[in-house]
Amino acid sequence: MSQIKSYKLWLKDNPYMGAIEPLLDEMEVQYRHVIISPCFKLIYTVYDEKLYFSSVWDTRRNPESLVEEITKTEGK
C-alpha cells in the first residue's frame, strides 16, 4: 500500500497527529492510529520521539481479535 508509505512520512514529522486508539486505551503503552483507507487503520506508538508501527488493522474484523493481536505482541 503506497498510502502507508505516505502516512509514515507524515507521521515522521508529526508523530502525534494520530488519535489515541480507544480500543487500546487500557494498555500500558499509548497506541495511536491513523485511518489509511475506509477499512484500514495504521496502529503505532511513539516512544522517545521515535515511531513504532504495530499493525495495520482491517476494521471489518472483530474488534476483540484486533486487540488480542496487539496484546500478544506487546510483551515481545
C-alpha atoms as a PDB file:
ATOM      1  CA  MET A   1       0.000   0.000   0.000  1.00  0.00           C
ATOM      2  CA  SER A   2       1.543   3.244  -1.091  1.00  0.00           C
ATOM      3  CA  GLN A   3      -0.807   5.038   1.331  1.00  0.00           C
ATOM      4  CA  ILE A   4       1.077   3.506   4.267  1.00  0.00           C
ATOM      5  CA  LYS A   5       4.344   4.952   2.992  1.00  0.00           C
ATOM      6  CA  SER A   6       2.740   8.395   2.735  1.00  0.00           C
ATOM      7  CA  TYR A   7       1.426   8.213   6.295  1.00  0.00           C
ATOM      8  CA  LYS A   8       4.790   7.063   7.586  1.00  0.00           C
ATOM      9  CA  LEU A   9       6.366  10.191   6.106  1.00  0.00           C
ATOM     10  CA  TRP A  10       3.675  12.463   7.586  1.00  0.00           C
ATOM     11  CA  LEU A  11       3.961  10.797  10.974  1.00  0.00           C
ATOM     12  CA  LYS A  12       7.724  11.179  10.943  1.00  0.00           C
ATOM     13  CA  ASP A  13       7.241  14.952  11.033  1.00  0.00           C
ATOM     14  CA  ASN A  14       4.042  14.917  13.146  1.00  0.00           C
ATOM     15  CA  PRO A  15       4.115  11.788  15.328  1.00  0.00           C
ATOM     16  CA  TYR A  16       1.169  12.863  17.490  1.00  0.00           C
ATOM     17  CA  MET A  17      -1.214  13.618  14.620  1.00  0.00           C
ATOM     18  CA  GLY A  18      -2.907  10.236  15.003  1.00  0.00           C
ATOM     19  CA  ALA A  19      -5.709   9.833  17.509  1.00  0.00           C
ATOM     20  CA  ILE A  20      -5.320   7.679  20.602  1.00  0.00           C
ATOM     21  CA  GLU A  21      -6.770   4.270  19.783  1.00  0.00           C
ATOM     22  CA  PRO A  22      -9.838   3.813  22.044  1.00  0.00           C
ATOM     23  CA  LEU A  23      -9.735   0.008  21.867  1.00  0.00           C
ATOM     24  CA  LEU A  24      -6.231   0.087  23.356  1.00  0.00           C
ATOM     25  CA  ASP A  25      -6.555   2.926  25.865  1.00  0.00           C
ATOM     26  CA  GLU A  26      -6.277   0.492  28.816  1.00  0.00           C
ATOM     27  CA  MET A  27      -2.819  -0.645  27.685  1.00  0.00           C
ATOM     28  CA  GLU A  28       0.358   0.424  29.426  1.00  0.00           C
ATOM     29  CA  VAL A  29       1.704   1.781  26.137  1.00  0.00           C
ATOM     30  CA  GLN A  30      -0.264   4.559  24.433  1.00  0.00           C
ATOM     31  CA  TYR A  31      -1.288   3.395  20.979  1.00  0.00           C
ATOM     32  CA  ARG A  32      -2.371   5.828  18.293  1.00  0.00           C
ATOM     33  CA  HIS A  33      -3.944   5.329  14.892  1.00  0.00           C
ATOM     34  CA  VAL A  34      -4.409   6.977  11.541  1.00  0.00           C
ATOM     35  CA  ILE A  35      -7.090   5.876   9.123  1.00  0.00           C
ATOM     36  CA  ILE A  36      -5.369   4.960   5.890  1.00  0.00           C
ATOM     37  CA  SER A  37      -8.490   3.921   3.962  1.00  0.00           C
ATOM     38  CA  PRO A  38     -12.167   3.370   4.792  1.00  0.00           C
ATOM     39  CA  CYS A  39     -11.420  -0.109   6.172  1.00  0.00           C
ATOM     40  CA  PHE A  40      -7.850   0.115   7.476  1.00  0.00           C
ATOM     41  CA  LYS A  41      -6.077   1.790  10.399  1.00  0.00           C
ATOM     42  CA  LEU A  42      -2.343   2.073  10.925  1.00  0.00           C
ATOM     43  CA  ILE A  43      -1.622   1.390  14.621  1.00  0.00           C
ATOM     44  CA  TYR A  44       1.555   2.836  16.114  1.00  0.00           C
ATOM     45  CA  THR A  45       3.216   4.137  19.255  1.00  0.00           C
ATOM     46  CA  VAL A  46       5.611   6.992  19.916  1.00  0.00           C
ATOM     47  CA  TYR A  47       8.433   6.400  22.366  1.00  0.00           C
ATOM     48  CA  ASP A  48      11.382   8.692  22.898  1.00  0.00           C
ATOM     49  CA  GLU A  49      10.315  10.671  19.797  1.00  0.00           C
ATOM     50  CA  LYS A  50      10.584   7.516  17.643  1.00  0.00           C
ATOM     51  CA  LEU A  51       7.719   5.831  15.818  1.00  0.00           C
ATOM     52  CA  TYR A  52       6.989   2.143  16.243  1.00  0.00           C
ATOM     53  CA  PHE A  53       4.435   0.673  13.866  1.00  0.00           C
ATOM     54  CA  SER A  54       2.488  -2.146  15.459  1.00  0.00           C
ATOM     55  CA  SER A  55      -0.123  -3.254  12.982  1.00  0.00           C
ATOM     56  CA  VAL A  56      -2.459  -2.463  10.132  1.00  0.00           C
ATOM     57  CA  TRP A  57      -5.978  -3.220  11.247  1.00  0.00           C
ATOM     58  CA  ASP A  58      -8.738  -4.312   8.933  1.00  0.00           C
ATOM     59  CA  THR A  59     -11.584  -2.611  10.770  1.00  0.00           C
ATOM     60  CA  ARG A  60     -14.131  -5.039   9.344  1.00  0.00           C
ATOM     61  CA  ARG A  61     -12.752  -7.675  11.710  1.00  0.00           C
ATOM     62  CA  ASN A  62     -13.983  -8.344  15.221  1.00  0.00           C
ATOM     63  CA  PRO A  63     -12.520  -5.599  17.479  1.00  0.00           C
ATOM     64  CA  GLU A  64     -11.662  -8.148  20.183  1.00  0.00           C
ATOM     65  CA  SER A  65      -9.450 -10.096  17.778  1.00  0.00           C
ATOM     66  CA  LEU A  66      -7.641  -6.888  16.793  1.00  0.00           C
ATOM     67  CA  VAL A  67      -6.931  -6.036  20.430  1.00  0.00           C
ATOM     68  CA  GLU A  68      -5.763  -9.601  21.067  1.00  0.00           C
ATOM     69  CA  GLU A  69      -3.325  -9.276  18.167  1.00  0.00           C
ATOM     70  CA  ILE A  70      -1.646  -6.313  19.902  1.00  0.00           C
ATOM     71  CA  THR A  71      -1.691  -7.770  23.418  1.00  0.00           C
ATOM     72  CA  LYS A  72       0.054 -10.950  22.208  1.00  0.00           C
ATOM     73  CA  THR A  73       2.956  -8.940  20.785  1.00  0.00           C
ATOM     74  CA  GLU A  74       3.213  -6.214  23.446  1.00  0.00           C
ATOM     75  CA  GLY A  75       5.471  -8.216  25.757  1.00  0.00           C
ATOM     76  CA  LYS A  76       7.956  -9.111  22.996  1.00  0.00           C
END
